[in-house]
Protein backbone atom coordinates (compact mmCIF):
# COMPACT_ATOMS: atom_id res chain seq x y z
CA UNK A 1 3.04 -15.20 -10.81
CA UNK A 2 5.78 -17.03 -8.95
CA UNK A 3 8.64 -14.76 -9.96
CA UNK A 4 6.85 -11.43 -9.20
CA UNK A 5 5.73 -12.81 -5.83
CA UNK A 6 9.30 -13.82 -5.02
CA UNK A 7 10.51 -10.32 -5.88
CA UNK A 8 7.92 -8.77 -3.58
CA UNK A 9 8.94 -11.15 -0.78
CA UNK A 10 12.62 -10.30 -1.27
CA UNK A 11 11.87 -6.60 -1.08
CA UNK A 12 9.79 -7.07 2.06
CA UNK A 13 12.53 -9.24 3.60
CA UNK A 14 15.01 -6.39 3.12
CA UNK A 15 12.67 -3.88 4.74
CA UNK A 16 11.96 -6.19 7.67
CA UNK A 17 15.68 -6.84 8.11
CA UNK A 18 16.36 -3.09 8.19
CA UNK A 19 13.55 -2.60 10.71
CA UNK A 20 14.98 -5.29 13.01
CA UNK A 21 18.42 -3.69 12.91
CA UNK A 22 16.93 -0.23 13.53
CA UNK A 23 15.03 -1.55 16.56
CA UNK A 24 18.39 -2.62 17.98
CA UNK A 25 19.40 1.03 17.98
CA UNK A 26 21.85 0.88 15.10
CA UNK A 27 22.04 2.60 11.74
CA UNK A 28 22.97 -0.34 9.53
CA UNK A 29 24.74 -0.26 6.20
CA UNK A 30 23.08 -1.73 3.13
CA UNK A 31 25.53 -4.61 3.34
CA UNK A 32 24.41 -5.34 6.91
CA UNK A 33 20.76 -5.22 5.86
CA UNK A 34 21.51 -7.65 3.03
CA UNK A 35 23.27 -10.02 5.42
CA UNK A 36 20.35 -9.85 7.88
CA UNK A 37 17.92 -10.56 5.05
CA UNK A 38 20.06 -13.48 3.82
CA UNK A 39 20.53 -12.02 0.36
CA UNK A 40 23.61 -10.81 -1.48
CA UNK A 41 24.84 -7.23 -1.47
CA UNK A 42 24.20 -7.07 -5.22
CA UNK A 43 20.59 -8.14 -4.69
CA UNK A 44 20.05 -5.46 -2.08
CA UNK A 45 21.33 -2.80 -4.47
CA UNK A 46 18.95 -4.02 -7.17
CA UNK A 47 16.01 -3.25 -4.88
CA UNK A 48 17.25 -0.06 -3.19
CA UNK A 49 19.69 2.54 -4.54
CA UNK A 50 21.02 3.49 -1.11
CA UNK A 51 20.83 2.71 2.59
CA UNK A 52 18.91 5.97 3.06
CA UNK A 53 16.12 4.66 0.82
CA UNK A 54 15.94 1.40 2.79
CA UNK A 55 15.88 3.08 6.19
CA UNK A 56 13.29 5.64 5.09
CA UNK A 57 10.90 2.97 3.88
CA UNK A 58 11.61 0.62 6.78
CA UNK A 59 10.56 3.37 9.18
CA UNK A 60 7.36 3.83 7.19
CA UNK A 61 6.76 0.08 7.35
CA UNK A 62 6.96 0.25 11.13
CA UNK A 63 4.46 3.12 11.17
CA UNK A 64 1.96 1.52 8.79
CA UNK A 65 -1.19 0.15 10.46
CA UNK A 66 -1.59 -3.62 10.55
CA UNK A 67 -5.01 -5.18 9.91
CA UNK A 68 -5.04 -6.55 13.43
CA UNK A 69 -4.62 -3.02 14.80
CA UNK A 70 -7.60 -1.76 12.80
CA UNK A 71 -10.13 -4.58 13.00
CA UNK A 72 -11.25 -6.50 16.05
CA UNK A 73 -14.13 -8.59 17.30
CA UNK A 74 -16.30 -5.51 17.75
CA UNK A 75 -15.68 -4.11 14.26
CA UNK A 76 -18.80 -3.56 12.12
CA UNK A 77 -19.74 -5.97 9.35
CA UNK A 78 -20.86 -3.27 6.91
CA UNK A 79 -18.44 -3.20 3.93
CA UNK A 80 -18.45 0.58 3.64
CA UNK A 81 -17.74 1.10 7.36
CA UNK A 82 -14.93 -1.45 7.34
CA UNK A 83 -13.32 0.06 4.26
CA UNK A 84 -13.68 3.52 5.77
CA UNK A 85 -11.90 2.29 8.92
CA UNK A 86 -9.03 0.99 6.79
CA UNK A 87 -8.79 4.27 4.89
CA UNK A 88 -8.93 6.43 8.04
CA UNK A 89 -6.19 4.36 9.72
CA UNK A 90 -3.89 4.50 6.70
CA UNK A 91 -4.58 8.18 6.08
CA UNK A 92 -3.65 9.02 9.67
CA UNK A 93 -0.28 7.35 9.12
CA UNK A 94 0.14 9.23 5.83
CA UNK A 95 -0.56 12.58 7.47
CA UNK A 96 1.91 11.84 10.27
CA UNK A 97 4.63 10.82 7.80
CA UNK A 98 3.71 12.87 4.74
CA UNK A 99 7.18 14.31 4.16
CA UNK A 100 8.88 10.92 4.23
CA UNK A 101 6.18 9.38 2.05
CA UNK A 102 6.60 12.10 -0.56
CA UNK A 103 10.34 11.38 -0.65
CA UNK A 104 9.62 7.66 -0.99
CA UNK A 105 7.15 8.36 -3.80
CA UNK A 106 9.70 10.49 -5.63
CA UNK A 107 12.37 7.81 -5.16
CA UNK A 108 10.10 5.12 -6.56
CA UNK A 109 9.21 7.23 -9.60
CA UNK A 110 12.86 7.98 -10.31
CA UNK A 111 13.86 4.36 -9.77
CA UNK A 112 11.17 3.01 -12.11
CA UNK A 113 11.85 5.38 -15.02
CA UNK A 114 12.98 3.48 -18.09
CA UNK A 115 12.95 0.06 -16.41
CA UNK A 116 11.52 -3.15 -17.80
CA UNK A 117 8.60 -3.90 -15.50
CA UNK A 118 8.77 -7.64 -16.20
CA UNK A 119 12.40 -8.02 -15.17
CA UNK A 120 12.95 -5.17 -12.71
CA UNK A 121 12.29 -5.60 -8.97
CA UNK A 122 9.26 -3.76 -7.55
CA UNK A 123 9.89 -0.15 -6.57
CA UNK A 124 7.06 0.10 -4.05
CA UNK A 125 5.76 -1.95 -1.14
CA UNK A 126 2.02 -2.58 -1.26
CA UNK A 127 0.71 -1.56 2.17
CA UNK A 128 -2.85 -0.69 1.23
CA UNK A 129 -4.01 -4.01 -0.23
CA UNK A 130 -3.63 -6.01 3.02
CA UNK A 131 -5.86 -3.45 4.76
CA UNK A 132 -8.41 -3.52 1.95
CA UNK A 133 -8.44 -7.33 1.94
CA UNK A 134 -8.82 -7.46 5.73
CA UNK A 135 -11.73 -5.02 5.49
CA UNK A 136 -13.66 -7.11 2.98
CA UNK A 137 -12.68 -10.60 4.17
CA UNK A 138 -15.70 -11.11 6.49
CA UNK A 139 -18.14 -9.82 3.86
CA UNK A 140 -16.65 -11.22 0.67
CA UNK A 141 -19.56 -13.66 0.22
CA UNK A 142 -21.80 -10.62 -0.37
CA UNK A 143 -20.09 -9.97 -3.71
CA UNK A 144 -19.46 -11.71 -7.00
CA UNK A 145 -15.75 -12.72 -7.02
CA UNK A 146 -15.03 -10.77 -10.21
CA UNK A 147 -16.75 -7.67 -8.86
CA UNK A 148 -14.94 -8.06 -5.55
CA UNK A 149 -11.57 -8.18 -7.31
CA UNK A 150 -12.39 -5.10 -9.37
CA UNK A 151 -13.59 -3.22 -6.30
CA UNK A 152 -10.41 -4.07 -4.39
CA UNK A 153 -8.23 -2.77 -7.21
CA UNK A 154 -10.35 0.37 -7.66
CA UNK A 155 -10.15 1.09 -3.92
CA UNK A 156 -6.36 1.09 -4.21
CA UNK A 157 -6.69 4.19 -6.40
CA UNK A 158 -8.36 6.24 -3.66
CA UNK A 159 -6.71 4.78 -0.56
CA UNK A 160 -3.05 5.69 -0.11
CA UNK A 161 -0.39 8.33 -0.54
CA UNK A 162 -1.20 9.22 -4.15
CA UNK A 163 -4.79 10.08 -3.26
CA UNK A 164 -3.62 12.48 -0.57
CA UNK A 165 -1.27 14.16 -3.05
CA UNK A 166 -4.18 14.62 -5.47
CA UNK A 167 -6.49 16.01 -2.79
CA UNK A 168 -3.94 18.43 -1.34
CA UNK A 169 -1.79 19.42 -4.34
CA UNK A 170 -4.11 19.07 -7.33
CA UNK A 171 -7.59 19.69 -5.94
CA UNK A 172 -6.42 21.75 -2.93
CA UNK A 173 -9.10 20.33 -0.66
CA UNK A 174 -9.01 20.52 3.10
CA UNK A 175 -9.21 17.32 5.15
CA UNK A 176 -12.97 17.54 5.68
CA UNK A 177 -13.74 17.91 1.97
CA UNK A 178 -11.26 15.19 1.07
CA UNK A 179 -12.90 12.87 3.60
CA UNK A 180 -16.33 13.55 2.12
CA UNK A 181 -15.11 12.76 -1.40
CA UNK A 182 -13.38 9.56 -0.29
CA UNK A 183 -16.44 8.39 1.64
CA UNK A 184 -18.59 9.02 -1.44
CA UNK A 185 -16.16 7.10 -3.65
CA UNK A 186 -15.98 4.13 -1.26
CA UNK A 187 -19.78 3.98 -1.05
CA UNK A 188 -20.04 4.16 -4.84
CA UNK A 189 -17.56 1.34 -5.34
CA UNK A 190 -19.31 -0.89 -2.82
CA UNK A 191 -22.64 -0.21 -4.54
CA UNK A 192 -21.15 -0.89 -7.97
CA UNK A 193 -19.66 -4.17 -6.77
CA UNK A 194 -23.12 -5.34 -5.72
CA UNK A 195 -24.43 -5.00 -9.29
CA UNK A 196 -24.36 -7.91 -11.78
CA UNK A 197 -21.02 -8.16 -13.58
CA UNK A 198 -21.40 -7.80 -17.37
CA UNK A 199 -19.93 -10.62 -19.45
CA UNK A 200 -18.16 -8.15 -21.71
CA UNK A 201 -17.17 -4.51 -21.50
CA UNK A 202 -18.83 -2.08 -23.93
CA UNK A 203 -16.84 -1.03 -26.98
CA UNK A 204 -15.12 2.33 -26.66
């Protein structure tokens, strides 16, 4: 896991470097972002095809909710309510930046086509998992560790940009109906994670 983790850190370092330079009021080049991130120009180009791609995603990084902004001392301890809070906060950011996120999604799909997943750098930054983990951290002792891990991964399928694309483009649901479906799915996953974990999966 060391090498994939290092790749994710390098990608995040580049985005954070771009964000710092943008906060200074400049529009940096990819070379300047690489220098700020203490990596080579060639490394930066391995992770991002252009400075436009870096700046687009860096701006989204700045807009993404942090766990500390969502959860506080007065937050509920019910798993469903905490996960719903995380989803609502992230979805609000997605709605406010939907155009840019769709461009980022298209860029990541184009960039990942035909690449070797084991050797290629990651094409996406994982913003949803930290929110999901922060939501379940105070209540993780309520779940079997295996079930908790499965629930966290399953939640990543319904929390995020892709889910909004499915609800709006594929299912053509309005926000109220989409919210009802997501609430149902979160409740169902929490309930499923409370059940005993089978030793083996059934044959298919």
